[in-house]
């Protein structure tokens, strides 16, 4: 699951359906499990985006 609190600067995520690619330029500062943590996974075309292996 591509959730922002697990993304690191330089990670590249892509959509299998349309080919959209997004690069993390600045990491999120929320903490997983905290009250203010982001809870929605990164998605495109109705599917979760995938971390591109580098």
N, C-alpha and C. Protein backbone atom coordinates (compact mmCIF):
# COMPACT_ATOMS: atom_id res chain seq x y z
N UNK A 1 0.84 -1.17 0.00
CA UNK A 1 0.00 0.00 0.00
C UNK A 1 0.89 1.24 0.00
N UNK A 2 0.61 2.19 -0.85
CA UNK A 2 1.38 3.43 -0.95
C UNK A 2 0.74 4.50 -0.08
N UNK A 3 1.08 4.51 1.21
CA UNK A 3 0.57 5.50 2.14
C UNK A 3 1.67 6.52 2.38
N UNK A 4 1.34 7.79 2.45
CA UNK A 4 2.36 8.85 2.47
C UNK A 4 3.35 8.72 3.62
N UNK A 5 2.95 8.22 4.78
CA UNK A 5 3.90 8.14 5.90
C UNK A 5 4.98 7.09 5.65
N UNK A 6 4.81 6.24 4.65
CA UNK A 6 5.80 5.23 4.32
C UNK A 6 6.65 5.62 3.10
N UNK A 7 6.30 6.73 2.44
CA UNK A 7 7.02 7.18 1.24
C UNK A 7 8.27 7.94 1.64
N UNK A 8 9.33 7.74 0.87
CA UNK A 8 10.59 8.42 1.12
C UNK A 8 10.96 9.30 -0.07
N UNK A 9 11.71 10.36 0.22
CA UNK A 9 12.15 11.26 -0.84
C UNK A 9 12.87 10.45 -1.93
N UNK A 10 12.51 10.68 -3.17
CA UNK A 10 13.11 9.98 -4.30
C UNK A 10 12.34 8.76 -4.76
N UNK A 11 11.38 8.27 -3.94
CA UNK A 11 10.56 7.14 -4.37
C UNK A 11 9.75 7.52 -5.60
N UNK A 12 9.54 6.58 -6.50
CA UNK A 12 8.77 6.80 -7.71
C UNK A 12 7.62 5.81 -7.72
N UNK A 13 6.40 6.33 -7.80
CA UNK A 13 5.20 5.50 -7.84
C UNK A 13 4.56 5.60 -9.21
N UNK A 14 3.97 4.50 -9.69
CA UNK A 14 3.35 4.51 -11.02
C UNK A 14 2.01 3.80 -11.00
N UNK A 15 1.21 4.13 -12.01
CA UNK A 15 -0.11 3.52 -12.20
C UNK A 15 0.00 2.48 -13.30
N UNK A 16 -0.39 1.25 -13.00
CA UNK A 16 -0.36 0.17 -13.99
C UNK A 16 -1.34 0.42 -15.14
N UNK A 17 -2.43 1.14 -14.86
CA UNK A 17 -3.47 1.32 -15.86
C UNK A 17 -3.13 2.40 -16.90
N UNK A 18 -2.71 3.58 -16.44
CA UNK A 18 -2.50 4.68 -17.38
C UNK A 18 -1.04 5.10 -17.54
N UNK A 19 -0.16 4.61 -16.68
CA UNK A 19 1.25 4.92 -16.79
C UNK A 19 1.71 6.17 -16.05
N UNK A 20 0.79 6.86 -15.35
CA UNK A 20 1.16 8.04 -14.58
C UNK A 20 2.27 7.69 -13.60
N UNK A 21 3.27 8.57 -13.49
CA UNK A 21 4.35 8.38 -12.53
C UNK A 21 4.44 9.61 -11.63
N UNK A 22 4.62 9.38 -10.33
CA UNK A 22 4.77 10.45 -9.36
C UNK A 22 6.03 10.21 -8.55
N UNK A 23 6.87 11.25 -8.43
CA UNK A 23 8.09 11.14 -7.64
C UNK A 23 7.90 11.92 -6.34
N UNK A 24 8.33 11.34 -5.23
CA UNK A 24 8.26 12.00 -3.94
C UNK A 24 9.42 13.00 -3.87
N UNK A 25 9.09 14.27 -3.79
CA UNK A 25 10.11 15.32 -3.72
C UNK A 25 10.39 15.72 -2.29
N UNK A 26 9.39 15.57 -1.42
CA UNK A 26 9.54 15.88 0.00
C UNK A 26 8.68 14.89 0.77
N UNK A 27 9.28 14.21 1.73
CA UNK A 27 8.56 13.19 2.50
C UNK A 27 7.54 13.83 3.43
N UNK A 28 6.46 13.12 3.69
CA UNK A 28 5.42 13.54 4.61
C UNK A 28 5.98 13.49 6.04
N UNK A 29 5.48 14.36 6.90
CA UNK A 29 5.97 14.38 8.28
C UNK A 29 5.02 13.71 9.26
N UNK A 30 3.89 13.17 8.78
CA UNK A 30 2.96 12.51 9.70
C UNK A 30 3.56 11.19 10.18
N UNK A 31 3.12 10.73 11.33
CA UNK A 31 3.60 9.48 11.91
C UNK A 31 2.51 8.42 11.79
N UNK A 32 2.85 7.28 11.27
CA UNK A 32 1.90 6.18 11.11
C UNK A 32 1.28 5.84 12.46
N UNK A 33 -0.03 5.73 12.51
CA UNK A 33 -0.74 5.37 13.73
C UNK A 33 -1.10 6.55 14.61
N UNK A 34 -0.59 7.74 14.31
CA UNK A 34 -0.92 8.90 15.13
C UNK A 34 -2.28 9.45 14.72
N UNK A 35 -2.82 10.31 15.54
CA UNK A 35 -4.14 10.90 15.28
C UNK A 35 -4.16 11.71 13.99
N UNK A 36 -3.04 12.35 13.67
CA UNK A 36 -2.96 13.20 12.47
C UNK A 36 -2.43 12.48 11.24
N UNK A 37 -2.22 11.17 11.32
CA UNK A 37 -1.64 10.42 10.21
C UNK A 37 -2.59 10.39 9.01
N UNK A 38 -2.02 10.46 7.83
CA UNK A 38 -2.80 10.31 6.61
C UNK A 38 -3.27 8.86 6.51
N UNK A 39 -4.47 8.64 6.05
CA UNK A 39 -5.00 7.28 6.05
C UNK A 39 -5.42 6.77 4.68
N UNK A 40 -5.31 7.59 3.66
CA UNK A 40 -5.75 7.19 2.33
C UNK A 40 -4.55 6.79 1.48
N UNK A 41 -4.54 5.58 0.94
CA UNK A 41 -3.42 5.18 0.08
C UNK A 41 -3.45 5.95 -1.24
N UNK A 42 -2.28 6.14 -1.82
CA UNK A 42 -2.14 6.81 -3.11
C UNK A 42 -2.77 5.92 -4.18
N UNK A 43 -3.71 6.48 -4.94
CA UNK A 43 -4.37 5.68 -5.97
C UNK A 43 -4.58 6.48 -7.25
N UNK A 44 -4.76 5.76 -8.34
CA UNK A 44 -5.01 6.34 -9.66
C UNK A 44 -5.82 5.31 -10.45
N UNK A 45 -6.75 5.75 -11.25
CA UNK A 45 -7.59 4.86 -12.06
C UNK A 45 -8.29 3.81 -11.20
N UNK A 46 -8.59 4.16 -9.95
CA UNK A 46 -9.31 3.26 -9.06
C UNK A 46 -8.46 2.15 -8.46
N UNK A 47 -7.13 2.22 -8.64
CA UNK A 47 -6.24 1.19 -8.10
C UNK A 47 -5.11 1.86 -7.34
N UNK A 48 -4.52 1.12 -6.40
CA UNK A 48 -3.37 1.64 -5.67
C UNK A 48 -2.18 1.78 -6.61
N UNK A 49 -1.42 2.86 -6.40
CA UNK A 49 -0.20 3.05 -7.19
C UNK A 49 0.90 2.15 -6.62
N UNK A 50 1.86 1.80 -7.47
CA UNK A 50 2.92 0.85 -7.13
C UNK A 50 4.26 1.55 -7.07
N UNK A 51 5.08 1.16 -6.09
CA UNK A 51 6.44 1.69 -5.98
C UNK A 51 7.28 1.07 -7.10
N UNK A 52 7.93 1.91 -7.87
CA UNK A 52 8.77 1.44 -8.96
C UNK A 52 10.14 1.06 -8.41
N UNK A 53 10.54 -0.16 -8.64
CA UNK A 53 11.84 -0.64 -8.16
C UNK A 53 12.94 0.07 -8.92
N UNK A 54 13.96 0.47 -8.19
CA UNK A 54 15.03 1.22 -8.84
C UNK A 54 16.29 0.57 -8.61
